[in-house]
Amino acid sequence: MAQQHDSELDKRATSSMKALVQREEKRPQWFFIRRVPSRRIRREWTRPSDDQYARDLIAEGFIAPGLVAGTLSAELAADIRELDQHLLPHFWRMNQQARFFQNRYYQYQWAFILAAFLTTALAAVNVFLYAQGWTGQAGTLVGALQWTEVLGFLTALVSGVAAAVSFLDANQTPQKRWYKARVQAEILRSIYFLFLARQAPFDSSSDRERVQQMRRKVIEVLRETRIAERPTSAEGATPVPTQPGEPTPAPNAAPETPTPARASRRRRASTPPDDN
């Protein structure tokens, strides 16, 4: 019975992966079709209904407890509960922020490209009309208003929109925030599977220790720190590299006084040999 259930899960997972690959291959590659921004992506994540949440877990490659109910060991079920409580909320939050800033970046790109195109087109039409003699009485639109004046005003207006979009993009840096949130989300994803597989640094025999280590790693990712890797004393500091033939300075030694002889030795050591 268990083997039959496992085979059914394998078939469903395989069919889901094939469907995702086929859908990705069928998507158009043009920027203005593939990267259409949306106005419905929110910055903050809110937990959906249980059915939708289970579908989201499957879509992201996580384990949905409802899908594998009755086939999990007690240890694995406990690990999934701990991850759902301490890690997954932060993953969904960073994943939502990555999607939000990605969409914001595409919005700015769309607006800037369209504004730049319209600015060029309006300026070209204005120059063409001026060259064709659409000035004076021939170029009058309403009263004393000239076509060239209208096009010049529209060109300036669209140029202002392009400048404003460029300023917002440089000030808010949505692309940088998108990359940062995506990196954090993917690191949390890797921690999820390392914890389930009981791989280092989550290979302790104590479940409490494993959970505490997982929570510390999550905090490190969110704070962008590496507490365990930071040297706490002079003994753990990285030695300063030296040129060949020079003694390694002591940890607390004062820096060398530069002299012409030492500078000459450094230049000779850093110069690559000739091929001939």
Protein backbone atom coordinates (compact mmCIF):
# COMPACT_ATOMS: atom_id res chain seq x y z
CA MET A 1 0.00 0.00 0.00
CA ALA A 2 2.83 2.38 0.90
CA GLN A 3 4.67 1.56 -2.34
CA GLN A 4 1.52 2.25 -4.35
CA HIS A 5 1.08 5.60 -2.57
CA ASP A 6 4.74 6.49 -3.25
CA SER A 7 4.39 5.63 -6.93
CA GLU A 8 1.29 7.82 -7.18
CA LEU A 9 3.21 10.71 -5.57
CA ASP A 10 6.09 10.19 -8.03
CA LYS A 11 3.71 10.27 -10.98
CA ARG A 12 2.02 13.42 -9.74
CA ALA A 13 5.36 15.14 -9.09
CA THR A 14 6.68 14.13 -12.52
CA SER A 15 3.55 15.34 -14.29
CA SER A 16 3.68 18.63 -12.38
CA MET A 17 7.32 19.19 -13.35
CA LYS A 18 6.58 18.40 -17.00
CA ALA A 19 3.67 20.82 -16.99
CA LEU A 20 5.85 23.58 -15.54
CA VAL A 21 8.60 22.99 -18.11
CA GLN A 22 6.14 22.96 -21.01
CA ARG A 23 4.44 26.13 -19.78
CA GLU A 24 7.81 27.87 -19.46
CA GLU A 25 8.82 26.81 -22.98
CA LYS A 26 5.58 28.11 -24.45
CA ARG A 27 5.95 31.55 -22.89
CA PRO A 28 7.03 34.25 -25.38
CA GLN A 29 10.54 35.63 -25.06
CA TRP A 30 9.78 39.26 -25.95
CA PHE A 31 10.31 41.66 -23.04
CA PHE A 32 7.03 43.57 -23.51
CA ILE A 33 5.07 40.30 -23.51
CA ARG A 34 7.02 38.22 -21.01
CA ARG A 35 7.64 40.98 -18.46
CA VAL A 36 4.24 42.60 -18.26
CA PRO A 37 4.03 44.31 -14.84
CA SER A 38 1.04 43.75 -12.60
CA ARG A 39 -0.79 46.15 -10.30
CA ARG A 40 -2.06 43.47 -7.94
CA ILE A 41 1.18 42.32 -6.30
CA ARG A 42 1.32 43.45 -2.70
CA ARG A 43 4.49 44.03 -0.75
CA GLU A 44 3.49 42.12 2.39
CA TRP A 45 2.53 38.45 2.45
CA THR A 46 -0.66 37.25 4.12
CA ARG A 47 -1.34 33.57 4.66
CA PRO A 48 -4.06 32.30 2.29
CA SER A 49 -6.59 29.57 2.94
CA ASP A 50 -5.34 26.09 3.80
CA ASP A 51 -6.03 24.70 0.34
CA GLN A 52 -4.28 27.57 -1.40
CA TYR A 53 -1.40 27.39 1.07
CA ALA A 54 -0.94 23.69 0.30
CA ARG A 55 -0.86 24.48 -3.43
CA ASP A 56 1.70 27.23 -2.80
CA LEU A 57 3.89 24.80 -0.86
CA ILE A 58 3.81 22.31 -3.72
CA ALA A 59 4.50 25.02 -6.29
CA GLU A 60 7.62 26.10 -4.37
CA GLY A 61 8.85 22.53 -3.93
CA PHE A 62 8.10 22.22 -0.21
CA ILE A 63 6.31 19.38 1.54
CA ALA A 64 2.57 19.83 1.98
CA PRO A 65 1.58 17.79 5.06
CA GLY A 66 -1.92 17.22 3.68
CA LEU A 67 -0.53 15.60 0.54
CA VAL A 68 1.62 13.06 2.37
CA ALA A 69 -0.62 12.53 5.39
CA GLY A 70 -0.14 9.11 6.95
CA THR A 71 3.22 8.46 5.30
CA LEU A 72 5.43 10.69 7.46
CA SER A 73 7.46 9.43 10.39
CA ALA A 74 7.05 11.15 13.73
CA GLU A 75 10.49 12.80 13.42
CA LEU A 76 9.80 14.14 9.93
CA ALA A 77 6.36 15.41 10.92
CA ALA A 78 7.91 17.23 13.89
CA ASP A 79 10.58 18.77 11.64
CA ILE A 80 7.93 20.01 9.21
CA ARG A 81 5.99 21.60 12.07
CA GLU A 82 9.11 23.39 13.32
CA LEU A 83 9.92 24.65 9.83
CA ASP A 84 6.36 25.80 9.28
CA GLN A 85 6.54 27.77 12.51
CA HIS A 86 10.06 29.24 12.45
CA LEU A 87 11.23 29.33 8.81
CA LEU A 88 8.41 29.30 6.27
CA PRO A 89 6.76 32.57 7.38
CA HIS A 90 10.05 34.38 6.77
CA PHE A 91 10.51 32.62 3.43
CA TRP A 92 7.06 33.66 2.23
CA ARG A 93 7.68 37.22 3.38
CA MET A 94 11.01 37.50 1.52
CA ASN A 95 9.56 35.71 -1.51
CA GLN A 96 6.68 38.21 -1.63
CA GLN A 97 9.05 41.14 -1.32
CA ALA A 98 11.18 39.74 -4.15
CA ARG A 99 8.10 39.46 -6.37
CA PHE A 100 6.97 42.95 -5.40
CA PHE A 101 10.29 44.65 -6.18
CA GLN A 102 10.71 42.61 -9.35
CA ASN A 103 7.33 43.87 -10.51
CA ARG A 104 8.22 47.44 -9.47
CA TYR A 105 11.45 47.20 -11.45
CA TYR A 106 9.55 46.08 -14.55
CA GLN A 107 7.04 48.90 -14.08
CA TYR A 108 9.82 51.47 -14.10
CA GLN A 109 11.48 49.83 -17.10
CA TRP A 110 8.22 49.83 -19.04
CA ALA A 111 7.49 53.46 -18.19
CA PHE A 112 11.02 54.61 -19.04
CA ILE A 113 11.15 52.75 -22.37
CA LEU A 114 7.74 54.02 -23.46
CA ALA A 115 8.53 57.58 -22.35
CA ALA A 116 11.86 57.52 -24.19
CA PHE A 117 10.16 56.22 -27.34
CA LEU A 118 7.41 58.84 -27.20
CA THR A 119 9.95 61.61 -26.57
CA THR A 120 11.93 60.58 -29.64
CA ALA A 121 8.81 60.19 -31.79
CA LEU A 122 7.32 63.55 -30.79
CA ALA A 123 10.62 65.34 -31.29
CA ALA A 124 11.01 63.75 -34.74
CA VAL A 125 7.47 64.78 -35.77
CA ASN A 126 8.06 68.31 -34.50
CA VAL A 127 11.27 68.63 -36.51
CA PHE A 128 9.57 67.19 -39.59
CA LEU A 129 6.68 69.68 -39.38
CA TYR A 130 9.07 72.56 -38.88
CA ALA A 131 11.12 71.45 -41.88
CA GLN A 132 7.95 71.22 -44.01
CA GLY A 133 7.08 74.81 -43.27
CA TRP A 134 4.29 74.20 -40.74
CA THR A 135 4.83 77.55 -39.12
CA GLY A 136 2.89 80.76 -39.15
CA GLN A 137 -0.58 80.54 -40.63
CA ALA A 138 -0.02 77.09 -42.16
CA GLY A 139 0.80 75.53 -38.80
CA THR A 140 -1.98 77.14 -36.77
CA LEU A 141 -4.02 74.70 -34.68
CA VAL A 142 -6.45 76.88 -32.68
CA GLY A 143 -6.20 80.64 -32.66
CA ALA A 144 -2.53 81.51 -32.37
CA LEU A 145 -1.55 78.04 -31.10
CA GLN A 146 0.93 76.30 -33.38
CA TRP A 147 1.34 72.57 -33.97
CA THR A 148 5.04 72.85 -33.23
CA GLU A 149 4.28 74.48 -29.89
CA VAL A 150 1.90 71.66 -28.92
CA LEU A 151 4.38 68.98 -29.93
CA GLY A 152 7.17 70.80 -28.11
CA PHE A 153 5.08 70.95 -24.95
CA LEU A 154 4.20 67.24 -25.21
CA THR A 155 7.85 66.37 -25.79
CA ALA A 156 8.89 68.28 -22.68
CA LEU A 157 6.08 66.67 -20.67
CA VAL A 158 6.99 63.13 -21.67
CA SER A 159 10.68 63.88 -21.09
CA GLY A 160 9.77 65.00 -17.57
CA VAL A 161 7.95 61.72 -16.99
CA ALA A 162 11.01 59.78 -18.18
CA ALA A 163 13.26 61.81 -15.87
CA ALA A 164 10.90 61.25 -12.92
CA VAL A 165 10.82 57.50 -13.54
CA SER A 166 14.60 57.40 -13.82
CA PHE A 167 14.89 59.31 -10.53
CA LEU A 168 12.49 56.95 -8.75
CA ASP A 169 14.34 53.92 -10.07
CA ALA A 170 17.69 55.29 -8.89
CA ASN A 171 16.26 56.37 -5.52
CA GLN A 172 14.23 53.24 -4.65
CA THR A 173 16.64 50.74 -6.29
CA PRO A 174 13.95 48.08 -6.88
CA GLN A 175 16.33 45.81 -8.79
CA LYS A 176 18.82 45.74 -5.91
CA ARG A 177 16.03 45.05 -3.41
CA TRP A 178 14.63 42.35 -5.67
CA TYR A 179 18.01 40.58 -5.84
CA LYS A 180 18.56 40.93 -2.11
CA ALA A 181 15.15 39.53 -1.15
CA ARG A 182 15.47 36.70 -3.68
CA VAL A 183 18.87 35.69 -2.34
CA GLN A 184 17.52 35.64 1.22
CA ALA A 185 14.49 33.58 0.16
CA GLU A 186 16.64 31.02 -1.66
CA ILE A 187 19.02 30.70 1.29
CA LEU A 188 16.03 30.03 3.53
CA ARG A 189 14.86 27.42 1.01
CA SER A 190 18.23 25.65 1.24
CA ILE A 191 18.06 25.73 5.05
CA TYR A 192 14.62 24.09 4.83
CA PHE A 193 15.95 21.05 2.98
CA LEU A 194 19.20 20.86 4.95
CA PHE A 195 17.16 20.73 8.14
CA LEU A 196 14.89 17.99 6.80
CA ALA A 197 17.87 15.96 5.59
CA ARG A 198 19.64 16.45 8.96
CA GLN A 199 22.76 17.67 7.20
CA ALA A 200 25.36 19.97 8.71
CA PRO A 201 24.91 22.20 10.63
CA PHE A 202 21.61 20.48 11.56
CA ASP A 203 23.04 17.00 12.18
CA SER A 204 22.95 17.13 15.97
CA SER A 205 21.37 14.23 17.82
CA SER A 206 19.39 16.63 19.99
CA ASP A 207 16.19 17.90 18.36
CA ARG A 208 16.21 20.96 20.57
CA GLU A 209 19.73 21.84 19.44
CA ARG A 210 18.76 21.37 15.80
CA VAL A 211 15.78 23.70 16.15
CA GLN A 212 17.85 26.32 17.95
CA GLN A 213 20.52 26.14 15.24
CA MET A 214 17.87 26.48 12.55
CA ARG A 215 16.41 29.53 14.24
CA ARG A 216 19.88 31.10 14.54
CA LYS A 217 20.53 30.52 10.85
CA VAL A 218 17.21 32.10 9.92
CA ILE A 219 18.05 35.16 12.01
CA GLU A 220 21.49 35.38 10.39
CA VAL A 221 19.94 35.31 6.92
CA LEU A 222 17.40 37.98 7.78
CA ARG A 223 20.03 40.19 9.42
CA GLU A 224 22.62 39.41 6.73
CA THR A 225 25.23 38.39 9.29
CA ARG A 226 27.38 35.35 9.82
CA ILE A 227 27.74 35.12 13.59
CA ALA A 228 29.43 31.71 13.60
CA GLU A 229 31.98 32.73 10.96
CA ARG A 230 33.02 36.05 12.48
CA PRO A 231 36.38 35.86 14.33
CA THR A 232 36.01 36.68 18.03
CA SER A 233 39.69 37.15 18.85
CA ALA A 234 43.03 37.93 17.30
CA GLU A 235 43.73 34.19 17.01
CA GLY A 236 40.77 33.74 14.64
CA ALA A 237 41.69 36.70 12.44
CA THR A 238 42.88 36.02 8.89
CA PRO A 239 46.63 36.63 8.51
CA VAL A 240 47.67 39.40 6.18
CA PRO A 241 49.12 37.94 2.93
CA THR A 242 52.69 38.89 2.15
CA GLN A 243 54.90 38.75 -0.90
CA PRO A 244 57.18 35.72 -1.45
CA GLY A 245 60.34 35.91 0.57
CA GLU A 246 58.92 38.26 3.21
CA PRO A 247 58.25 37.15 6.80
CA THR A 248 54.64 36.90 7.96
CA PRO A 249 53.96 39.76 10.40
CA ALA A 250 52.88 38.93 13.93
CA PRO A 251 49.19 39.52 14.77
CA ASN A 252 49.91 42.53 16.93
CA ALA A 253 53.02 43.76 15.14
CA ALA A 254 53.21 47.34 13.98
CA PRO A 255 53.04 47.90 10.23
CA GLU A 256 56.31 48.02 8.34
CA THR A 257 57.81 51.37 7.48
CA PRO A 258 57.91 51.63 3.68
CA THR A 259 61.42 51.91 2.25
CA PRO A 260 62.72 52.03 -1.34
CA ALA A 261 64.25 48.55 -0.99
CA ARG A 262 60.99 46.97 0.18
CA ALA A 263 59.04 48.73 -2.56
CA SER A 264 61.51 47.43 -5.16
CA ARG A 265 61.17 43.86 -3.84
CA ARG A 266 57.37 44.10 -4.01
CA ARG A 267 57.51 45.40 -7.59
CA ARG A 268 59.84 42.56 -8.69
CA ALA A 269 57.68 39.93 -6.97
CA SER A 270 54.43 41.25 -8.46
CA THR A 271 55.77 41.57 -12.03
CA PRO A 272 54.82 38.52 -14.13
CA PRO A 273 57.65 36.80 -15.99
CA ASP A 274 58.05 37.37 -19.71
CA ASP A 275 56.78 34.68 -22.09
CA ASN A 276 60.08 34.78 -23.99
